[in-house]
C-alpha atoms as a PDB file:
ATOM      1  CA  MET A   1      74.589  92.842  -6.809  1.00  0.00           C
ATOM      2  CA  THR A   2      76.028  90.132  -4.556  1.00  0.00           C
ATOM      3  CA  ARG A   3      74.550  86.610  -4.472  1.00  0.00           C
ATOM      4  CA  GLY A   4      73.345  87.191  -0.923  1.00  0.00           C
ATOM      5  CA  ARG A   5      71.461  90.331  -1.938  1.00  0.00           C
ATOM      6  CA  VAL A   6      69.921  88.510  -4.928  1.00  0.00           C
ATOM      7  CA  LEU A   7      68.647  85.698  -2.685  1.00  0.00           C
ATOM      8  CA  GLY A   8      67.315  88.264  -0.260  1.00  0.00           C
ATOM      9  CA  CYS A   9      65.373  89.998  -3.018  1.00  0.00           C
ATOM     10  CA  VAL A  10      63.936  86.680  -4.236  1.00  0.00           C
ATOM     11  CA  ALA A  11      62.827  85.795  -0.714  1.00  0.00           C
ATOM     12  CA  ALA A  12      61.182  89.180  -0.312  1.00  0.00           C
ATOM     13  CA  LEU A  13      59.296  88.756  -3.580  1.00  0.00           C
ATOM     14  CA  VAL A  14      58.054  85.330  -2.517  1.00  0.00           C
ATOM     15  CA  ILE A  15      56.842  86.623   0.819  1.00  0.00           C
ATOM     16  CA  ALA A  16      55.177  89.610  -0.805  1.00  0.00           C
ATOM     17  CA  SER A  17      53.352  87.411  -3.310  1.00  0.00           C
ATOM     18  CA  GLY A  18      51.783  85.097  -0.765  1.00  0.00           C
ATOM     19  CA  GLY A  19      54.253  82.440   0.339  1.00  0.00           C
ATOM     20  CA  ALA A  20      53.530  78.790  -0.456  1.00  0.00           C
ATOM     21  CA  GLN A  21      50.525  79.571  -2.628  1.00  0.00           C
ATOM     22  CA  ALA A  22      52.651  81.850  -4.828  1.00  0.00           C
ATOM     23  CA  GLY A  23      54.519  79.254  -6.787  1.00  0.00           C
ATOM     24  CA  GLU A  24      57.272  77.536  -4.856  1.00  0.00           C
ATOM     25  CA  GLY A  25      55.148  74.732  -3.410  1.00  0.00           C
ATOM     26  CA  ARG A  26      54.646  71.075  -4.282  1.00  0.00           C
ATOM     27  CA  LEU A  27      51.993  68.575  -3.260  1.00  0.00           C
ATOM     28  CA  THR A  28      51.354  64.888  -3.862  1.00  0.00           C
ATOM     29  CA  VAL A  29      47.911  63.600  -4.798  1.00  0.00           C
ATOM     30  CA  PHE A  30      46.964  59.909  -4.702  1.00  0.00           C
ATOM     31  CA  ALA A  31      44.068  59.426  -7.143  1.00  0.00           C
ATOM     32  CA  ALA A  32      42.108  56.476  -8.529  1.00  0.00           C
ATOM     33  CA  ALA A  33      43.427  55.219 -11.873  1.00  0.00           C
ATOM     34  CA  SER A  34      40.119  56.000 -13.576  1.00  0.00           C
ATOM     35  CA  MET A  35      40.846  59.708 -13.057  1.00  0.00           C
ATOM     36  CA  LYS A  36      44.037  59.802 -15.136  1.00  0.00           C
ATOM     37  CA  ASN A  37      42.951  62.009 -18.033  1.00  0.00           C
ATOM     38  CA  ALA A  38      41.004  64.392 -15.852  1.00  0.00           C
ATOM     39  CA  MET A  39      43.820  64.682 -13.307  1.00  0.00           C
ATOM     40  CA  ASP A  40      46.378  65.328 -16.056  1.00  0.00           C
ATOM     41  CA  GLU A  41      44.278  68.253 -17.222  1.00  0.00           C
ATOM     42  CA  ILE A  42      43.490  69.526 -13.732  1.00  0.00           C
ATOM     43  CA  ALA A  43      47.080  69.344 -12.514  1.00  0.00           C
ATOM     44  CA  ALA A  44      48.249  71.279 -15.571  1.00  0.00           C
ATOM     45  CA  GLY A  45      45.594  73.947 -15.003  1.00  0.00           C
ATOM     46  CA  TYR A  46      46.381  74.270 -11.303  1.00  0.00           C
ATOM     47  CA  GLU A  47      50.107  74.540 -11.979  1.00  0.00           C
ATOM     48  CA  ALA A  48      49.575  77.199 -14.641  1.00  0.00           C
ATOM     49  CA  GLU A  49      47.325  79.205 -12.315  1.00  0.00           C
ATOM     50  CA  THR A  50      49.410  78.969  -9.136  1.00  0.00           C
ATOM     51  CA  GLY A  51      52.955  78.099 -10.150  1.00  0.00           C
ATOM     52  CA  ASN A  52      52.884  75.212  -7.680  1.00  0.00           C
ATOM     53  CA  VAL A  53      53.642  71.633  -8.721  1.00  0.00           C
ATOM     54  CA  VAL A  54      51.245  68.679  -8.389  1.00  0.00           C
ATOM     55  CA  ASP A  55      52.629  65.144  -8.382  1.00  0.00           C
ATOM     56  CA  VAL A  56      49.746  62.759  -9.155  1.00  0.00           C
ATOM     57  CA  SER A  57      50.154  59.086  -8.281  1.00  0.00           C
ATOM     58  CA  LEU A  58      47.544  56.905 -10.004  1.00  0.00           C
ATOM     59  CA  ALA A  59      46.598  53.332  -9.105  1.00  0.00           C
ATOM     60  CA  GLY A  60      43.651  51.273  -7.920  1.00  0.00           C
ATOM     61  CA  SER A  61      42.038  52.843  -4.857  1.00  0.00           C
ATOM     62  CA  SER A  62      42.800  49.737  -2.809  1.00  0.00           C
ATOM     63  CA  ALA A  63      46.519  49.897  -3.649  1.00  0.00           C
ATOM     64  CA  LEU A  64      46.692  53.600  -2.841  1.00  0.00           C
ATOM     65  CA  ALA A  65      44.824  53.150   0.454  1.00  0.00           C
ATOM     66  CA  ARG A  66      47.203  50.376   1.497  1.00  0.00           C
ATOM     67  CA  GLN A  67      50.166  52.589   0.660  1.00  0.00           C
ATOM     68  CA  ILE A  68      48.688  55.280   2.895  1.00  0.00           C
ATOM     69  CA  GLN A  69      48.208  52.730   5.664  1.00  0.00           C
ATOM     70  CA  GLN A  70      51.899  51.879   5.317  1.00  0.00           C
ATOM     71  CA  GLY A  71      52.925  55.517   5.681  1.00  0.00           C
ATOM     72  CA  ALA A  72      53.375  56.582   2.050  1.00  0.00           C
ATOM     73  CA  PRO A  73      54.060  60.339   1.842  1.00  0.00           C
ATOM     74  CA  ALA A  74      51.020  61.932   0.236  1.00  0.00           C
ATOM     75  CA  ASP A  75      48.928  65.019   0.869  1.00  0.00           C
ATOM     76  CA  ILE A  76      45.528  64.287  -0.690  1.00  0.00           C
ATOM     77  CA  PHE A  77      43.653  61.075  -1.522  1.00  0.00           C
ATOM     78  CA  ILE A  78      40.826  60.719  -4.037  1.00  0.00           C
ATOM     79  CA  SER A  79      39.221  57.271  -3.925  1.00  0.00           C
ATOM     80  CA  ALA A  80      36.880  55.681  -6.460  1.00  0.00           C
ATOM     81  CA  ASN A  81      34.612  54.464  -3.666  1.00  0.00           C
ATOM     82  CA  THR A  82      33.653  55.417  -0.154  1.00  0.00           C
ATOM     83  CA  ASP A  83      34.687  52.128   1.482  1.00  0.00           C
ATOM     84  CA  TRP A  84      38.438  52.714   1.219  1.00  0.00           C
ATOM     85  CA  MET A  85      38.077  56.301   2.396  1.00  0.00           C
ATOM     86  CA  ASP A  86      35.920  55.096   5.297  1.00  0.00           C
ATOM     87  CA  ARG A  87      38.651  52.673   6.337  1.00  0.00           C
ATOM     88  CA  LEU A  88      41.296  55.370   6.329  1.00  0.00           C
ATOM     89  CA  GLU A  89      39.023  57.726   8.258  1.00  0.00           C
ATOM     90  CA  ALA A  90      38.323  55.034  10.873  1.00  0.00           C
ATOM     91  CA  GLU A  91      42.077  54.612  11.288  1.00  0.00           C
ATOM     92  CA  GLY A  92      42.592  58.350  11.686  1.00  0.00           C
ATOM     93  CA  LEU A  93      44.619  58.590   8.485  1.00  0.00           C
ATOM     94  CA  ILE A  94      42.556  61.296   6.784  1.00  0.00           C
ATOM     95  CA  ASN A  95      41.298  64.623   8.045  1.00  0.00           C
ATOM     96  CA  ALA A  96      37.548  64.001   8.320  1.00  0.00           C
ATOM     97  CA  ASP A  97      36.737  67.713   8.256  1.00  0.00           C
ATOM     98  CA  SER A  98      38.331  68.051   4.829  1.00  0.00           C
ATOM     99  CA  ARG A  99      36.451  65.135   3.269  1.00  0.00           C
ATOM    100  CA  PHE A 100      33.795  65.693   0.613  1.00  0.00           C
ATOM    101  CA  ASP A 101      32.136  63.761  -2.216  1.00  0.00           C
ATOM    102  CA  LEU A 102      33.735  64.950  -5.445  1.00  0.00           C
ATOM    103  CA  LEU A 103      32.463  62.818  -8.343  1.00  0.00           C
ATOM    104  CA  GLY A 104      30.007  60.229  -9.550  1.00  0.00           C
ATOM    105  CA  ASN A 105      30.367  57.760 -12.419  1.00  0.00           C
ATOM    106  CA  ALA A 106      28.672  54.862 -14.215  1.00  0.00           C
ATOM    107  CA  ILE A 107      29.719  51.295 -15.030  1.00  0.00           C
ATOM    108  CA  VAL A 108      29.657  50.334 -18.699  1.00  0.00           C
ATOM    109  CA  LEU A 109      30.372  47.349 -20.933  1.00  0.00           C
ATOM    110  CA  VAL A 110      32.959  48.114 -23.616  1.00  0.00           C
ATOM    111  CA  ALA A 111      34.077  46.249 -26.715  1.00  0.00           C
ATOM    112  CA  ALA A 112      36.165  46.928 -29.817  1.00  0.00           C
ATOM    113  CA  LYS A 113      35.059  49.754 -32.127  1.00  0.00           C
ATOM    114  CA  GLY A 114      32.025  48.831 -34.157  1.00  0.00           C
ATOM    115  CA  ALA A 115      30.816  46.038 -31.853  1.00  0.00           C
ATOM    116  CA  ALA A 116      27.087  45.426 -31.654  1.00  0.00           C
ATOM    117  CA  PRO A 117      25.235  46.883 -28.663  1.00  0.00           C
ATOM    118  CA  VAL A 118      24.257  44.651 -25.745  1.00  0.00           C
ATOM    119  CA  ASP A 119      20.895  44.934 -24.004  1.00  0.00           C
ATOM    120  CA  ILE A 120      22.119  44.945 -20.391  1.00  0.00           C
ATOM    121  CA  GLY A 121      19.734  42.934 -18.258  1.00  0.00           C
ATOM    122  CA  PRO A 122      18.998  39.501 -16.758  1.00  0.00           C
ATOM    123  CA  ASP A 123      18.411  38.005 -20.217  1.00  0.00           C
ATOM    124  CA  MET A 124      21.593  39.222 -21.939  1.00  0.00           C
ATOM    125  CA  ASP A 125      23.598  35.925 -21.612  1.00  0.00           C
ATOM    126  CA  LEU A 126      26.918  37.705 -21.425  1.00  0.00           C
ATOM    127  CA  ALA A 127      28.828  34.416 -21.353  1.00  0.00           C
ATOM    128  CA  ALA A 128      27.486  33.554 -24.794  1.00  0.00           C
ATOM    129  CA  ARG A 129      28.353  37.019 -26.113  1.00  0.00           C
ATOM    130  CA  LEU A 130      31.966  36.514 -25.021  1.00  0.00           C
ATOM    131  CA  ASN A 131      32.115  33.486 -27.351  1.00  0.00           C
ATOM    132  CA  GLY A 132      35.005  31.869 -25.482  1.00  0.00           C
ATOM    133  CA  GLY A 133      36.870  35.140 -24.886  1.00  0.00           C
ATOM    134  CA  ARG A 134      37.657  36.939 -21.648  1.00  0.00           C
ATOM    135  CA  LEU A 135      35.768  39.647 -19.795  1.00  0.00           C
ATOM    136  CA  ALA A 136      38.295  42.232 -18.611  1.00  0.00           C
ATOM    137  CA  MET A 137      37.624  43.671 -15.151  1.00  0.00           C
ATOM    138  CA  ALA A 138      39.567  45.363 -12.383  1.00  0.00           C
ATOM    139  CA  LEU A 139      40.176  43.175  -9.307  1.00  0.00           C
ATOM    140  CA  VAL A 140      36.670  42.183  -8.268  1.00  0.00           C
ATOM    141  CA  GLU A 141      37.370  41.900  -4.539  1.00  0.00           C
ATOM    142  CA  ALA A 142      39.535  44.986  -4.091  1.00  0.00           C
ATOM    143  CA  VAL A 143      39.344  47.651  -6.818  1.00  0.00           C
ATOM    144  CA  PRO A 144      36.132  49.716  -6.851  1.00  0.00           C
ATOM    145  CA  ALA A 145      35.429  49.304 -10.578  1.00  0.00           C
ATOM    146  CA  GLY A 146      35.717  45.540 -10.196  1.00  0.00           C
ATOM    147  CA  ILE A 147      33.590  45.531  -7.064  1.00  0.00           C
ATOM    148  CA  TYR A 148      30.840  47.548  -8.772  1.00  0.00           C
ATOM    149  CA  GLY A 149      31.024  45.389 -11.889  1.00  0.00           C
ATOM    150  CA  LYS A 150      30.744  42.145  -9.956  1.00  0.00           C
ATOM    151  CA  ALA A 151      27.824  43.541  -7.941  1.00  0.00           C
ATOM    152  CA  SER A 152      26.003  44.419 -11.167  1.00  0.00           C
ATOM    153  CA  LEU A 153      26.604  41.005 -12.682  1.00  0.00           C
ATOM    154  CA  GLU A 154      25.372  39.325  -9.500  1.00  0.00           C
ATOM    155  CA  ALA A 155      22.266  41.505  -9.406  1.00  0.00           C
ATOM    156  CA  LEU A 156      21.523  40.610 -13.028  1.00  0.00           C
ATOM    157  CA  GLY A 157      22.104  36.888 -12.467  1.00  0.00           C
ATOM    158  CA  GLN A 158      25.139  36.806 -14.764  1.00  0.00           C
ATOM    159  CA  TRP A 159      28.079  36.381 -12.402  1.00  0.00           C
ATOM    160  CA  ASP A 160      28.114  32.599 -12.005  1.00  0.00           C
ATOM    161  CA  SER A 161      28.237  32.030 -15.757  1.00  0.00           C
ATOM    162  CA  VAL A 162      30.904  34.647 -16.554  1.00  0.00           C
ATOM    163  CA  ALA A 163      33.140  34.319 -13.467  1.00  0.00           C
ATOM    164  CA  PRO A 164      35.369  31.634 -15.085  1.00  0.00           C
ATOM    165  CA  MET A 165      35.872  33.966 -18.062  1.00  0.00           C
ATOM    166  CA  VAL A 166      36.922  37.062 -16.119  1.00  0.00           C
ATOM    167  CA  ALA A 167      40.445  38.384 -16.669  1.00  0.00           C
ATOM    168  CA  GLN A 168      41.245  40.491 -13.613  1.00  0.00           C
ATOM    169  CA  ALA A 169      43.592  43.469 -13.889  1.00  0.00           C
ATOM    170  CA  ASP A 170      45.268  45.525 -11.174  1.00  0.00           C
ATOM    171  CA  ASN A 171      43.169  48.611 -11.965  1.00  0.00           C
ATOM    172  CA  VAL A 172      40.417  49.735 -14.285  1.00  0.00           C
ATOM    173  CA  ARG A 173      42.749  51.349 -16.840  1.00  0.00           C
ATOM    174  CA  ALA A 174      44.620  48.051 -17.169  1.00  0.00           C
ATOM    175  CA  ALA A 175      41.295  46.287 -17.770  1.00  0.00           C
ATOM    176  CA  LEU A 176      40.411  48.877 -20.407  1.00  0.00           C
ATOM    177  CA  ALA A 177      43.758  48.316 -22.115  1.00  0.00           C
ATOM    178  CA  LEU A 178      43.025  44.601 -22.477  1.00  0.00           C
ATOM    179  CA  VAL A 179      39.974  45.440 -24.570  1.00  0.00           C
ATOM    180  CA  ALA A 180      41.687  48.253 -26.473  1.00  0.00           C
ATOM    181  CA  VAL A 181      44.517  45.980 -27.682  1.00  0.00           C
ATOM    182  CA  GLY A 182      42.204  43.075 -28.470  1.00  0.00           C
ATOM    183  CA  ALA A 183      43.319  40.779 -25.660  1.00  0.00           C
ATOM    184  CA  ALA A 184      39.725  40.594 -24.381  1.00  0.00           C
ATOM    185  CA  PRO A 185      36.574  41.055 -26.490  1.00  0.00           C
ATOM    186  CA  MET A 186      34.712  42.886 -23.727  1.00  0.00           C
ATOM    187  CA  GLY A 187      35.354  44.626 -20.444  1.00  0.00           C
ATOM    188  CA  ILE A 188      33.592  46.387 -17.611  1.00  0.00           C
ATOM    189  CA  VAL A 189      34.949  49.853 -16.848  1.00  0.00           C
ATOM    190  CA  TYR A 190      33.763  53.295 -15.829  1.00  0.00           C
ATOM    191  CA  ALA A 191      31.989  55.499 -18.357  1.00  0.00           C
ATOM    192  CA  SER A 192      34.822  58.004 -17.892  1.00  0.00           C
ATOM    193  CA  ASP A 193      37.385  55.375 -18.962  1.00  0.00           C
ATOM    194  CA  ALA A 194      35.495  54.697 -22.172  1.00  0.00           C
ATOM    195  CA  VAL A 195      35.624  58.418 -23.003  1.00  0.00           C
ATOM    196  CA  ALA A 196      39.404  58.305 -22.689  1.00  0.00           C
ATOM    197  CA  GLU A 197      39.978  55.338 -25.030  1.00  0.00           C
ATOM    198  CA  PRO A 198      39.183  55.834 -28.757  1.00  0.00           C
ATOM    199  CA  ARG A 199      39.738  52.150 -29.586  1.00  0.00           C
ATOM    200  CA  VAL A 200      36.619  50.964 -27.729  1.00  0.00           C
ATOM    201  CA  ASP A 201      32.883  51.589 -27.872  1.00  0.00           C
ATOM    202  CA  VAL A 202      30.370  51.497 -25.051  1.00  0.00           C
ATOM    203  CA  VAL A 203      27.983  48.680 -25.934  1.00  0.00           C
ATOM    204  CA  GLY A 204      25.841  48.895 -22.804  1.00  0.00           C
ATOM    205  CA  THR A 205      25.427  50.692 -19.486  1.00  0.00           C
ATOM    206  CA  PHE A 206      24.693  48.804 -16.275  1.00  0.00           C
ATOM    207  CA  PRO A 207      21.603  49.987 -14.384  1.00  0.00           C
ATOM    208  CA  ALA A 208      22.481  52.330 -11.530  1.00  0.00           C
ATOM    209  CA  ASP A 209      20.332  50.270  -9.168  1.00  0.00           C
ATOM    210  CA  SER A 210      22.328  47.089  -9.884  1.00  0.00           C
ATOM    211  CA  HIS A 211      25.334  48.254  -7.861  1.00  0.00           C
ATOM    212  CA  PRO A 212      26.100  50.554  -4.916  1.00  0.00           C
ATOM    213  CA  PRO A 213      26.238  54.273  -5.759  1.00  0.00           C
ATOM    214  CA  ILE A 214      29.550  55.224  -7.381  1.00  0.00           C
ATOM    215  CA  VAL A 215      31.032  58.070  -5.379  1.00  0.00           C
ATOM    216  CA  TYR A 216      34.574  59.455  -5.419  1.00  0.00           C
ATOM    217  CA  PRO A 217      35.402  61.119  -2.071  1.00  0.00           C
ATOM    218  CA  ALA A 218      38.422  63.401  -1.648  1.00  0.00           C
ATOM    219  CA  ALA A 219      40.239  64.308   1.569  1.00  0.00           C
ATOM    220  CA  LYS A 220      43.467  65.587   3.042  1.00  0.00           C
ATOM    221  CA  LEU A 221      45.681  63.079   4.812  1.00  0.00           C
ATOM    222  CA  SER A 222      46.063  63.583   8.549  1.00  0.00           C
ATOM    223  CA  SER A 223      49.831  63.271   8.210  1.00  0.00           C
ATOM    224  CA  SER A 224      50.072  66.163   5.743  1.00  0.00           C
ATOM    225  CA  ASP A 225      50.957  69.642   6.929  1.00  0.00           C
ATOM    226  CA  ASN A 226      51.282  70.966   3.384  1.00  0.00           C
ATOM    227  CA  PRO A 227      49.924  74.543   3.182  1.00  0.00           C
ATOM    228  CA  LEU A 228      48.724  73.853  -0.365  1.00  0.00           C
ATOM    229  CA  ASP A 229      46.199  71.172   0.652  1.00  0.00           C
ATOM    230  CA  ALA A 230      43.212  73.436   1.260  1.00  0.00           C
ATOM    231  CA  GLY A 231      43.808  75.424  -1.904  1.00  0.00           C
ATOM    232  CA  PHE A 232      44.023  72.339  -4.097  1.00  0.00           C
ATOM    233  CA  LEU A 233      40.892  70.798  -2.577  1.00  0.00           C
ATOM    234  CA  ALA A 234      39.120  74.086  -3.293  1.00  0.00           C
ATOM    235  CA  TYR A 235      40.455  74.009  -6.864  1.00  0.00           C
ATOM    236  CA  LEU A 236      38.916  70.545  -7.331  1.00  0.00           C
ATOM    237  CA  ARG A 237      35.535  72.108  -6.555  1.00  0.00           C
ATOM    238  CA  GLY A 238      36.028  75.063  -8.891  1.00  0.00           C
ATOM    239  CA  ALA A 239      34.781  75.801 -12.382  1.00  0.00           C
ATOM    240  CA  GLU A 240      37.960  74.780 -14.224  1.00  0.00           C
ATOM    241  CA  ALA A 241      38.131  71.374 -12.551  1.00  0.00           C
ATOM    242  CA  ARG A 242      34.384  70.843 -12.996  1.00  0.00           C
ATOM    243  CA  ALA A 243      34.719  71.416 -16.743  1.00  0.00           C
ATOM    244  CA  ALA A 244      37.647  69.000 -16.961  1.00  0.00           C
ATOM    245  CA  PHE A 245      35.801  66.285 -15.042  1.00  0.00           C
ATOM    246  CA  GLU A 246      32.695  66.669 -17.168  1.00  0.00           C
ATOM    247  CA  ARG A 247      34.724  66.484 -20.379  1.00  0.00           C
ATOM    248  CA  GLN A 248      36.040  63.138 -19.172  1.00  0.00           C
ATOM    249  CA  GLY A 249      32.571  61.704 -18.498  1.00  0.00           C
ATOM    250  CA  PHE A 250      32.275  62.208 -14.733  1.00  0.00           C
ATOM    251  CA  ALA A 251      29.276  63.564 -12.856  1.00  0.00           C
ATOM    252  CA  VAL A 252      30.489  66.348 -10.562  1.00  0.00           C
ATOM    253  CA  LEU A 253      28.951  66.166  -7.088  1.00  0.00           C
ATOM    254  CA  ALA A 254      30.992  68.826  -5.301  1.00  0.00           C
ATOM    255  CA  GLN A 255      29.839  72.429  -5.142  1.00  0.00           C
ATOM    256  CA  GLU A 256      32.083  75.480  -5.088  1.00  0.00           C
END
């Protein structure tokens, strides 16, 4: 068989099996850093099921949103808060019809394995518990985990005393790493991050009413004409993805 006939047969098989959804496609997903373990599992499952390839770019939601504003080539964005998605929608950079609330989460205080629990509340005196050490947090004015954490500390009357002790990291996984390696005695991260790191324990959970609701919206970018977008967004709402998210400590908001 000549090379031309072989290529023709391959093309025919691809067309017969459903085109882009049949295994020759690729898409790029920008996702909040806190989703790393779940997205690793979900991307692997999607690739095994469809034969398509998912490139997942992980960073703080603020950094990813700014990259999108600057024209970064991506197909789907999953933010760790609604504010950054709202900004992109207002600028016409996401497809509003494709947007939905995917996940929920909680903010927790973590420390090294075996650390004593902390009674989270106005009387906890977190500054004293740090004992001269640092409190690891994601960027408190830009990254959702940092924004939620600061809001909780303010609501509980703790921010002014601990602010000088905060070690800010570019994203929540970097903040978690500071605690995991012993560079900071405590940190504020998502509950899902704590699940992913065996070197830390959750020593307290911040009250849900001490910060804005934690919601992860997902949407297709307006600039993307990738035929895989709708299928992957549907996969995120499916049973396999739901199980993966729940294993990693997320609350799944989206319905199939």
